[in-house]
């Protein structure tokens, strides 16, 4: 099985957030197939770059994709389609 790149992991996290309104960290860990410790640098990076924001509630923290995060996700899909059409995904 091919190991995911950091960019693919970021894309996977944004995908999960893009499909739901608000997500708890445990749901992200499970769906992104990461450990609790390994997801933290990704979340930190996404938040620092304003692709994800955090919402503090009584029931705990929830993560949301921002408009910028959604735009990144859309552009990533375009690049993926482009690279697959030219066979660059097999390089």
PDB file of N, CA and C in Angstrom:
ATOM      1  N   UNK A   1       0.839  -1.186   0.000  1.00  0.00           N
ATOM      2  CA  UNK A   1       0.000   0.000   0.000  1.00  0.00           C
ATOM      3  C   UNK A   1       0.886   1.251   0.000  1.00  0.00           C
ATOM      4  N   UNK A   2       0.553   2.207  -0.854  1.00  0.00           N
ATOM      5  CA  UNK A   2       1.332   3.432  -0.991  1.00  0.00           C
ATOM      6  C   UNK A   2       1.040   4.372   0.179  1.00  0.00           C
ATOM      7  N   UNK A   3       2.106   4.913   0.745  1.00  0.00           N
ATOM      8  CA  UNK A   3       1.979   5.865   1.839  1.00  0.00           C
ATOM      9  C   UNK A   3       1.505   7.210   1.295  1.00  0.00           C
ATOM     10  N   UNK A   4       0.588   7.856   2.014  1.00  0.00           N
ATOM     11  CA  UNK A   4       0.079   9.159   1.586  1.00  0.00           C
ATOM     12  C   UNK A   4       1.134  10.241   1.819  1.00  0.00           C
ATOM     13  N   UNK A   5       1.143  11.201   0.921  1.00  0.00           N
ATOM     14  CA  UNK A   5       2.006  12.362   1.118  1.00  0.00           C
ATOM     15  C   UNK A   5       1.341  13.286   2.136  1.00  0.00           C
ATOM     16  N   UNK A   6       2.104  14.235   2.646  1.00  0.00           N
ATOM     17  CA  UNK A   6       1.541  15.203   3.592  1.00  0.00           C
ATOM     18  C   UNK A   6       0.414  15.997   2.935  1.00  0.00           C
ATOM     19  N   UNK A   7       0.604  16.330   1.675  1.00  0.00           N
ATOM     20  CA  UNK A   7      -0.423  17.068   0.951  1.00  0.00           C
ATOM     21  C   UNK A   7      -1.709  16.247   0.828  1.00  0.00           C
ATOM     22  N   UNK A   8      -1.571  14.956   0.589  1.00  0.00           N
ATOM     23  CA  UNK A   8      -2.750  14.081   0.497  1.00  0.00           C
ATOM     24  C   UNK A   8      -3.466  13.976   1.847  1.00  0.00           C
ATOM     25  N   UNK A   9      -2.715  13.956   2.932  1.00  0.00           N
ATOM     26  CA  UNK A   9      -3.328  13.911   4.264  1.00  0.00           C
ATOM     27  C   UNK A   9      -4.093  15.206   4.523  1.00  0.00           C
ATOM     28  N   UNK A  10      -3.486  16.331   4.182  1.00  0.00           N
ATOM     29  CA  UNK A  10      -4.179  17.619   4.333  1.00  0.00           C
ATOM     30  C   UNK A  10      -5.467  17.642   3.517  1.00  0.00           C
ATOM     31  N   UNK A  11      -5.378  17.149   2.306  1.00  0.00           N
ATOM     32  CA  UNK A  11      -6.558  17.086   1.431  1.00  0.00           C
ATOM     33  C   UNK A  11      -7.630  16.184   2.039  1.00  0.00           C
ATOM     34  N   UNK A  12      -7.229  15.046   2.598  1.00  0.00           N
ATOM     35  CA  UNK A  12      -8.184  14.126   3.219  1.00  0.00           C
ATOM     36  C   UNK A  12      -8.896  14.782   4.394  1.00  0.00           C
ATOM     37  N   UNK A  13      -8.152  15.511   5.217  1.00  0.00           N
ATOM     38  CA  UNK A  13      -8.757  16.201   6.365  1.00  0.00           C
ATOM     39  C   UNK A  13      -9.755  17.251   5.876  1.00  0.00           C
ATOM     40  N   UNK A  14      -9.364  18.020   4.881  1.00  0.00           N
ATOM     41  CA  UNK A  14     -10.271  19.033   4.336  1.00  0.00           C
ATOM     42  C   UNK A  14     -11.496  18.399   3.696  1.00  0.00           C
ATOM     43  N   UNK A  15     -11.309  17.267   3.041  1.00  0.00           N
ATOM     44  CA  UNK A  15     -12.443  16.520   2.465  1.00  0.00           C
ATOM     45  C   UNK A  15     -13.461  16.157   3.538  1.00  0.00           C
ATOM     46  N   UNK A  16     -12.969  15.631   4.635  1.00  0.00           N
ATOM     47  CA  UNK A  16     -13.845  15.228   5.741  1.00  0.00           C
ATOM     48  C   UNK A  16     -14.609  16.440   6.265  1.00  0.00           C
ATOM     49  N   UNK A  17     -13.887  17.533   6.472  1.00  0.00           N
ATOM     50  CA  UNK A  17     -14.524  18.748   6.971  1.00  0.00           C
ATOM     51  C   UNK A  17     -15.496  19.341   5.956  1.00  0.00           C
ATOM     52  N   UNK A  18     -15.185  19.192   4.687  1.00  0.00           N
ATOM     53  CA  UNK A  18     -16.053  19.727   3.635  1.00  0.00           C
ATOM     54  C   UNK A  18     -17.374  18.994   3.509  1.00  0.00           C
ATOM     55  N   UNK A  19     -17.420  17.770   3.999  1.00  0.00           N
ATOM     56  CA  UNK A  19     -18.641  16.971   3.896  1.00  0.00           C
ATOM     57  C   UNK A  19     -19.566  17.136   5.100  1.00  0.00           C
ATOM     58  N   UNK A  20     -19.062  17.776   6.140  1.00  0.00           N
ATOM     59  CA  UNK A  20     -19.849  17.983   7.359  1.00  0.00           C
ATOM     60  C   UNK A  20     -19.715  19.428   7.796  1.00  0.00           C
ATOM     61  N   UNK A  21     -20.661  19.873   8.609  1.00  0.00           N
ATOM     62  CA  UNK A  21     -20.594  21.247   9.106  1.00  0.00           C
ATOM     63  C   UNK A  21     -19.490  21.418  10.136  1.00  0.00           C
ATOM     64  N   UNK A  22     -19.544  20.604  11.160  1.00  0.00           N
ATOM     65  CA  UNK A  22     -18.588  20.693  12.264  1.00  0.00           C
ATOM     66  C   UNK A  22     -18.164  19.288  12.650  1.00  0.00           C
ATOM     67  N   UNK A  23     -16.881  19.120  12.951  1.00  0.00           N
ATOM     68  CA  UNK A  23     -16.363  17.789  13.225  1.00  0.00           C
ATOM     69  C   UNK A  23     -15.506  17.810  14.486  1.00  0.00           C
ATOM     70  N   UNK A  24     -15.702  16.828  15.342  1.00  0.00           N
ATOM     71  CA  UNK A  24     -14.847  16.659  16.518  1.00  0.00           C
ATOM     72  C   UNK A  24     -13.537  16.011  16.079  1.00  0.00           C
ATOM     73  N   UNK A  25     -12.514  16.217  16.884  1.00  0.00           N
ATOM     74  CA  UNK A  25     -11.192  15.673  16.553  1.00  0.00           C
ATOM     75  C   UNK A  25     -11.224  14.148  16.454  1.00  0.00           C
ATOM     76  N   UNK A  26     -12.010  13.494  17.305  1.00  0.00           N
ATOM     77  CA  UNK A  26     -12.064  12.027  17.268  1.00  0.00           C
ATOM     78  C   UNK A  26     -12.609  11.529  15.935  1.00  0.00           C
ATOM     79  N   UNK A  27     -13.567  12.245  15.385  1.00  0.00           N
ATOM     80  CA  UNK A  27     -14.124  11.873  14.080  1.00  0.00           C
ATOM     81  C   UNK A  27     -13.074  12.073  12.984  1.00  0.00           C
ATOM     82  N   UNK A  28     -12.334  13.175  13.074  1.00  0.00           N
ATOM     83  CA  UNK A  28     -11.265  13.427  12.097  1.00  0.00           C
ATOM     84  C   UNK A  28     -10.193  12.348  12.153  1.00  0.00           C
ATOM     85  N   UNK A  29      -9.792  11.991  13.370  1.00  0.00           N
ATOM     86  CA  UNK A  29      -8.765  10.953  13.555  1.00  0.00           C
ATOM     87  C   UNK A  29      -9.220   9.654  12.906  1.00  0.00           C
ATOM     88  N   UNK A  30     -10.452   9.276  13.170  1.00  0.00           N
ATOM     89  CA  UNK A  30     -10.998   8.021  12.650  1.00  0.00           C
ATOM     90  C   UNK A  30     -11.113   8.052  11.122  1.00  0.00           C
ATOM     91  N   UNK A  31     -11.740   9.089  10.607  1.00  0.00           N
ATOM     92  CA  UNK A  31     -11.983   9.159   9.161  1.00  0.00           C
ATOM     93  C   UNK A  31     -10.706   9.376   8.337  1.00  0.00           C
ATOM     94  N   UNK A  32      -9.738  10.108   8.908  1.00  0.00           N
ATOM     95  CA  UNK A  32      -8.490  10.384   8.183  1.00  0.00           C
ATOM     96  C   UNK A  32      -7.461   9.278   8.385  1.00  0.00           C
ATOM     97  N   UNK A  33      -7.802   8.299   9.224  1.00  0.00           N
ATOM     98  CA  UNK A  33      -6.916   7.175   9.500  1.00  0.00           C
ATOM     99  C   UNK A  33      -5.564   7.644  10.056  1.00  0.00           C
ATOM    100  N   UNK A  34      -5.649   8.485  11.087  1.00  0.00           N
ATOM    101  CA  UNK A  34      -4.464   9.007  11.755  1.00  0.00           C
ATOM    102  C   UNK A  34      -4.603   8.786  13.249  1.00  0.00           C
ATOM    103  N   UNK A  35      -3.499   8.889  13.959  1.00  0.00           N
ATOM    104  CA  UNK A  35      -3.564   8.819  15.418  1.00  0.00           C
ATOM    105  C   UNK A  35      -3.840  10.220  15.959  1.00  0.00           C
ATOM    106  N   UNK A  36      -4.203  10.267  17.225  1.00  0.00           N
ATOM    107  CA  UNK A  36      -4.489  11.548  17.865  1.00  0.00           C
ATOM    108  C   UNK A  36      -3.264  12.463  17.832  1.00  0.00           C
ATOM    109  N   UNK A  37      -2.092  11.901  18.043  1.00  0.00           N
ATOM    110  CA  UNK A  37      -0.863  12.709  18.022  1.00  0.00           C
ATOM    111  C   UNK A  37      -0.454  13.099  16.608  1.00  0.00           C
ATOM    112  N   UNK A  38      -0.631  12.206  15.654  1.00  0.00           N
ATOM    113  CA  UNK A  38      -0.168  12.505  14.299  1.00  0.00           C
ATOM    114  C   UNK A  38      -1.049  13.532  13.575  1.00  0.00           C
ATOM    115  N   UNK A  39      -2.279  13.699  14.015  1.00  0.00           N
ATOM    116  CA  UNK A  39      -3.155  14.673  13.344  1.00  0.00           C
ATOM    117  C   UNK A  39      -2.880  16.111  13.795  1.00  0.00           C
ATOM    118  N   UNK A  40      -2.313  16.260  14.981  1.00  0.00           N
ATOM    119  CA  UNK A  40      -2.122  17.599  15.561  1.00  0.00           C
ATOM    120  C   UNK A  40      -1.308  18.547  14.689  1.00  0.00           C
ATOM    121  N   UNK A  41      -0.159  18.131  14.128  1.00  0.00           N
ATOM    122  CA  UNK A  41       0.585  19.072  13.272  1.00  0.00           C
ATOM    123  C   UNK A  41      -0.199  19.478  12.017  1.00  0.00           C
ATOM    124  N   UNK A  42      -1.003  18.554  11.498  1.00  0.00           N
ATOM    125  CA  UNK A  42      -1.811  18.872  10.319  1.00  0.00           C
ATOM    126  C   UNK A  42      -2.874  19.915  10.661  1.00  0.00           C
ATOM    127  N   UNK A  43      -3.555  19.711  11.791  1.00  0.00           N
ATOM    128  CA  UNK A  43      -4.581  20.662  12.223  1.00  0.00           C
ATOM    129  C   UNK A  43      -3.946  22.025  12.486  1.00  0.00           C
ATOM    130  N   UNK A  44      -2.791  22.021  13.135  1.00  0.00           N
ATOM    131  CA  UNK A  44      -2.082  23.270  13.423  1.00  0.00           C
ATOM    132  C   UNK A  44      -1.751  24.001  12.119  1.00  0.00           C
ATOM    133  N   UNK A  45      -1.216  23.270  11.151  1.00  0.00           N
ATOM    134  CA  UNK A  45      -0.871  23.859   9.855  1.00  0.00           C
ATOM    135  C   UNK A  45      -2.105  24.432   9.164  1.00  0.00           C
ATOM    136  N   UNK A  46      -3.186  23.662   9.156  1.00  0.00           N
ATOM    137  CA  UNK A  46      -4.416  24.107   8.496  1.00  0.00           C
ATOM    138  C   UNK A  46      -4.986  25.356   9.164  1.00  0.00           C
ATOM    139  N   UNK A  47      -4.903  25.413  10.477  1.00  0.00           N
ATOM    140  CA  UNK A  47      -5.408  26.581  11.203  1.00  0.00           C
ATOM    141  C   UNK A  47      -4.514  27.802  10.992  1.00  0.00           C
ATOM    142  N   UNK A  48      -3.202  27.601  11.012  1.00  0.00           N
ATOM    143  CA  UNK A  48      -2.266  28.717  10.788  1.00  0.00           C
ATOM    144  C   UNK A  48      -2.447  29.330   9.409  1.00  0.00           C
ATOM    145  N   UNK A  49      -2.837  28.510   8.451  1.00  0.00           N
ATOM    146  CA  UNK A  49      -3.040  28.980   7.076  1.00  0.00           C
ATOM    147  C   UNK A  49      -4.493  29.308   6.761  1.00  0.00           C
ATOM    148  N   UNK A  50      -5.295  29.353   7.818  1.00  0.00           N
ATOM    149  CA  UNK A  50      -6.705  29.756   7.735  1.00  0.00           C
ATOM    150  C   UNK A  50      -7.535  28.894   6.783  1.00  0.00           C
ATOM    151  N   UNK A  51      -7.176  27.612   6.703  1.00  0.00           N
ATOM    152  CA  UNK A  51      -7.959  26.666   5.906  1.00  0.00           C
ATOM    153  C   UNK A  51      -9.000  25.975   6.781  1.00  0.00           C
ATOM    154  N   UNK A  52      -8.752  25.997   8.085  1.00  0.00           N
ATOM    155  CA  UNK A  52      -9.641  25.381   9.074  1.00  0.00           C
ATOM    156  C   UNK A  52      -9.750  26.331  10.254  1.00  0.00           C
ATOM    157  N   UNK A  53     -10.924  26.347  10.866  1.00  0.00           N
ATOM    158  CA  UNK A  53     -11.085  27.121  12.095  1.00  0.00           C
ATOM    159  C   UNK A  53     -11.684  26.228  13.174  1.00  0.00           C
ATOM    160  N   UNK A  54     -11.549  26.694  14.395  1.00  0.00           N
ATOM    161  CA  UNK A  54     -12.026  25.918  15.533  1.00  0.00           C
ATOM    162  C   UNK A  54     -13.199  26.654  16.167  1.00  0.00           C
ATOM    163  N   UNK A  55     -14.144  25.868  16.629  1.00  0.00           N
ATOM    164  CA  UNK A  55     -15.317  26.408  17.298  1.00  0.00           C
ATOM    165  C   UNK A  55     -15.378  25.753  18.677  1.00  0.00           C
ATOM    166  N   UNK A  56     -15.242  26.554  19.713  1.00  0.00           N
ATOM    167  CA  UNK A  56     -15.303  26.035  21.076  1.00  0.00           C
ATOM    168  C   UNK A  56     -16.750  26.032  21.556  1.00  0.00           C
ATOM    169  N   UNK A  57     -17.202  24.881  22.007  1.00  0.00           N
ATOM    170  CA  UNK A  57     -18.556  24.728  22.522  1.00  0.00           C
ATOM    171  C   UNK A  57     -18.499  24.051  23.877  1.00  0.00           C
ATOM    172  N   UNK A  58     -19.613  24.032  24.557  1.00  0.00           N
ATOM    173  CA  UNK A  58     -19.698  23.329  25.840  1.00  0.00           C
ATOM    174  C   UNK A  58     -19.342  21.857  25.671  1.00  0.00           C
ATOM    175  N   UNK A  59     -19.751  21.287  24.546  1.00  0.00           N
ATOM    176  CA  UNK A  59     -19.518  19.863  24.287  1.00  0.00           C
ATOM    177  C   UNK A  59     -18.107  19.586  23.767  1.00  0.00           C
ATOM    178  N   UNK A  60     -17.292  20.611  23.641  1.00  0.00           N
ATOM    179  CA  UNK A  60     -15.919  20.429  23.181  1.00  0.00           C
ATOM    180  C   UNK A  60     -15.628  21.216  21.920  1.00  0.00           C
ATOM    181  N   UNK A  61     -14.434  21.027  21.418  1.00  0.00           N
ATOM    182  CA  UNK A  61     -13.983  21.731  20.221  1.00  0.00           C
ATOM    183  C   UNK A  61     -14.524  21.041  18.977  1.00  0.00           C
ATOM    184  N   UNK A  62     -14.864  21.864  18.023  1.00  0.00           N
ATOM    185  CA  UNK A  62     -15.295  21.362  16.716  1.00  0.00           C
ATOM    186  C   UNK A  62     -14.504  22.100  15.647  1.00  0.00           C
ATOM    187  N   UNK A  63     -14.191  21.389  14.581  1.00  0.00           N
ATOM    188  CA  UNK A  63     -13.402  21.957  13.495  1.00  0.00           C
ATOM    189  C   UNK A  63     -14.284  22.158  12.282  1.00  0.00           C
ATOM    190  N   UNK A  64     -14.032  23.275  11.574  1.00  0.00           N
ATOM    191  CA  UNK A  64     -14.803  23.628  10.389  1.00  0.00           C
ATOM    192  C   UNK A  64     -13.854  24.033   9.271  1.00  0.00           C
ATOM    193  N   UNK A  65     -14.234  23.736   8.058  1.00  0.00           N
ATOM    194  CA  UNK A  65     -13.452  24.182   6.908  1.00  0.00           C
ATOM    195  C   UNK A  65     -13.842  25.627   6.624  1.00  0.00           C
ATOM    196  N   UNK A  66     -12.874  26.456   6.281  1.00  0.00           N
ATOM    197  CA  UNK A  66     -13.141  27.846   5.939  1.00  0.00           C
ATOM    198  C   UNK A  66     -13.396  27.954   4.432  1.00  0.00           C
ATOM    199  N   UNK A  67     -13.773  29.147   4.003  1.00  0.00           N
ATOM    200  CA  UNK A  67     -13.953  29.381   2.572  1.00  0.00           C
ATOM    201  C   UNK A  67     -12.623  29.155   1.842  1.00  0.00           C
ATOM    202  N   UNK A  68     -11.537  29.620   2.442  1.00  0.00           N
ATOM    203  CA  UNK A  68     -10.200  29.426   1.858  1.00  0.00           C
ATOM    204  C   UNK A  68      -9.861  27.942   1.773  1.00  0.00           C
ATOM    205  N   UNK A  69     -10.250  27.176   2.793  1.00  0.00           N
ATOM    206  CA  UNK A  69     -10.030  25.732   2.785  1.00  0.00           C
ATOM    207  C   UNK A  69     -10.808  25.048   1.677  1.00  0.00           C
ATOM    208  N   UNK A  70     -12.029  25.498   1.465  1.00  0.00           N
ATOM    209  CA  UNK A  70     -12.860  24.940   0.395  1.00  0.00           C
ATOM    210  C   UNK A  70     -12.263  25.265  -0.969  1.00  0.00           C
ATOM    211  N   UNK A  71     -11.748  26.479  -1.110  1.00  0.00           N
ATOM    212  CA  UNK A  71     -11.105  26.876  -2.371  1.00  0.00           C
ATOM    213  C   UNK A  71      -9.867  26.014  -2.640  1.00  0.00           C
ATOM    214  N   UNK A  72      -9.077  25.759  -1.593  1.00  0.00           N
ATOM    215  CA  UNK A  72      -7.903  24.897  -1.722  1.00  0.00           C
ATOM    216  C   UNK A  72      -8.317  23.504  -2.201  1.00  0.00           C
ATOM    217  N   UNK A  73      -9.364  22.986  -1.598  1.00  0.00           N
ATOM    218  CA  UNK A  73      -9.869  21.659  -1.951  1.00  0.00           C
ATOM    219  C   UNK A  73     -10.296  21.610  -3.422  1.00  0.00           C
ATOM    220  N   UNK A  74     -10.991  22.633  -3.880  1.00  0.00           N
ATOM    221  CA  UNK A  74     -11.423  22.701  -5.285  1.00  0.00           C
ATOM    222  C   UNK A  74     -10.227  22.743  -6.233  1.00  0.00           C
ATOM    223  N   UNK A  75      -9.226  23.541  -5.891  1.00  0.00           N
ATOM    224  CA  UNK A  75      -8.031  23.635  -6.736  1.00  0.00           C
ATOM    225  C   UNK A  75      -7.244  22.325  -6.724  1.00  0.00           C
ATOM    226  N   UNK A  76      -7.190  21.679  -5.582  1.00  0.00           N
ATOM    227  CA  UNK A  76      -6.489  20.401  -5.472  1.00  0.00           C
ATOM    228  C   UNK A  76      -7.122  19.379  -6.412  1.00  0.00           C
ATOM    229  N   UNK A  77      -8.437  19.359  -6.459  1.00  0.00           N
ATOM    230  CA  UNK A  77      -9.146  18.421  -7.341  1.00  0.00           C
ATOM    231  C   UNK A  77      -8.825  18.706  -8.804  1.00  0.00           C
ATOM    232  N   UNK A  78      -8.752  19.973  -9.167  1.00  0.00           N
ATOM    233  CA  UNK A  78      -8.410  20.338 -10.549  1.00  0.00           C
ATOM    234  C   UNK A  78      -7.005  19.851 -10.901  1.00  0.00           C
ATOM    235  N   UNK A  79      -6.073  20.041  -9.984  1.00  0.00           N
ATOM    236  CA  UNK A  79      -4.684  19.605 -10.211  1.00  0.00           C
ATOM    237  C   UNK A  79      -4.622  18.084 -10.326  1.00  0.00           C
ATOM    238  N   UNK A  80      -5.382  17.395  -9.497  1.00  0.00           N
ATOM    239  CA  UNK A  80      -5.403  15.928  -9.533  1.00  0.00           C
ATOM    240  C   UNK A  80      -5.934  15.426 -10.882  1.00  0.00           C
ATOM    241  N   UNK A  81      -7.028  16.004 -11.328  1.00  0.00           N
ATOM    242  CA  UNK A  81      -7.613  15.618 -12.618  1.00  0.00           C
ATOM    243  C   UNK A  81      -6.623  15.899 -13.754  1.00  0.00           C
ATOM    244  N   UNK A  82      -5.992  17.063 -13.709  1.00  0.00           N
ATOM    245  CA  UNK A  82      -5.010  17.440 -14.722  1.00  0.00           C
ATOM    246  C   UNK A  82      -3.845  16.451 -14.750  1.00  0.00           C
ATOM    247  N   UNK A  83      -3.297  16.146 -13.579  1.00  0.00           N
ATOM    248  CA  UNK A  83      -2.130  15.262 -13.522  1.00  0.00           C
ATOM    249  C   UNK A  83      -2.492  13.842 -13.957  1.00  0.00           C
ATOM    250  N   UNK A  84      -3.700  13.389 -13.624  1.00  0.00           N
ATOM    251  CA  UNK A  84      -4.135  12.052 -14.055  1.00  0.00           C
ATOM    252  C   UNK A  84      -4.324  12.012 -15.572  1.00  0.00           C
ATOM    253  N   UNK A  85      -4.824  13.096 -16.150  1.00  0.00           N
ATOM    254  CA  UNK A  85      -5.082  13.109 -17.597  1.00  0.00           C
ATOM    255  C   UNK A  85      -3.780  13.039 -18.400  1.00  0.00           C
ATOM    256  N   UNK A  86      -2.671  13.474 -17.806  1.00  0.00           N
ATOM    257  CA  UNK A  86      -1.369  13.409 -18.471  1.00  0.00           C
ATOM    258  C   UNK A  86      -0.488  12.302 -17.935  1.00  0.00           C
ATOM    259  N   UNK A  87      -1.048  11.445 -17.093  1.00  0.00           N
ATOM    260  CA  UNK A  87      -0.295  10.330 -16.558  1.00  0.00           C
ATOM    261  C   UNK A  87       0.738  10.703 -15.517  1.00  0.00           C
ATOM    262  N   UNK A  88       0.650  11.908 -14.990  1.00  0.00           N
ATOM    263  CA  UNK A  88       1.632  12.368 -14.005  1.00  0.00           C
ATOM    264  C   UNK A  88       1.438  11.746 -12.645  1.00  0.00           C
ATOM    265  N   UNK A  89       0.269  11.163 -12.410  1.00  0.00           N
ATOM    266  CA  UNK A  89       0.004  10.521 -11.110  1.00  0.00           C
ATOM    267  C   UNK A  89       0.764   9.197 -10.975  1.00  0.00           C
ATOM    268  N   UNK A  90       1.290   8.676 -12.078  1.00  0.00           N
ATOM    269  CA  UNK A  90       2.021   7.397 -12.054  1.00  0.00           C
ATOM    270  C   UNK A  90       3.520   7.618 -12.039  1.00  0.00           C
ATOM    271  N   UNK A  91       3.946   8.881 -12.085  1.00  0.00           N
ATOM    272  CA  UNK A  91       5.343   9.241 -12.165  1.00  0.00           C
ATOM    273  C   UNK A  91       6.059   8.976 -10.861  1.00  0.00           C
TER     274      UNK A  91
END
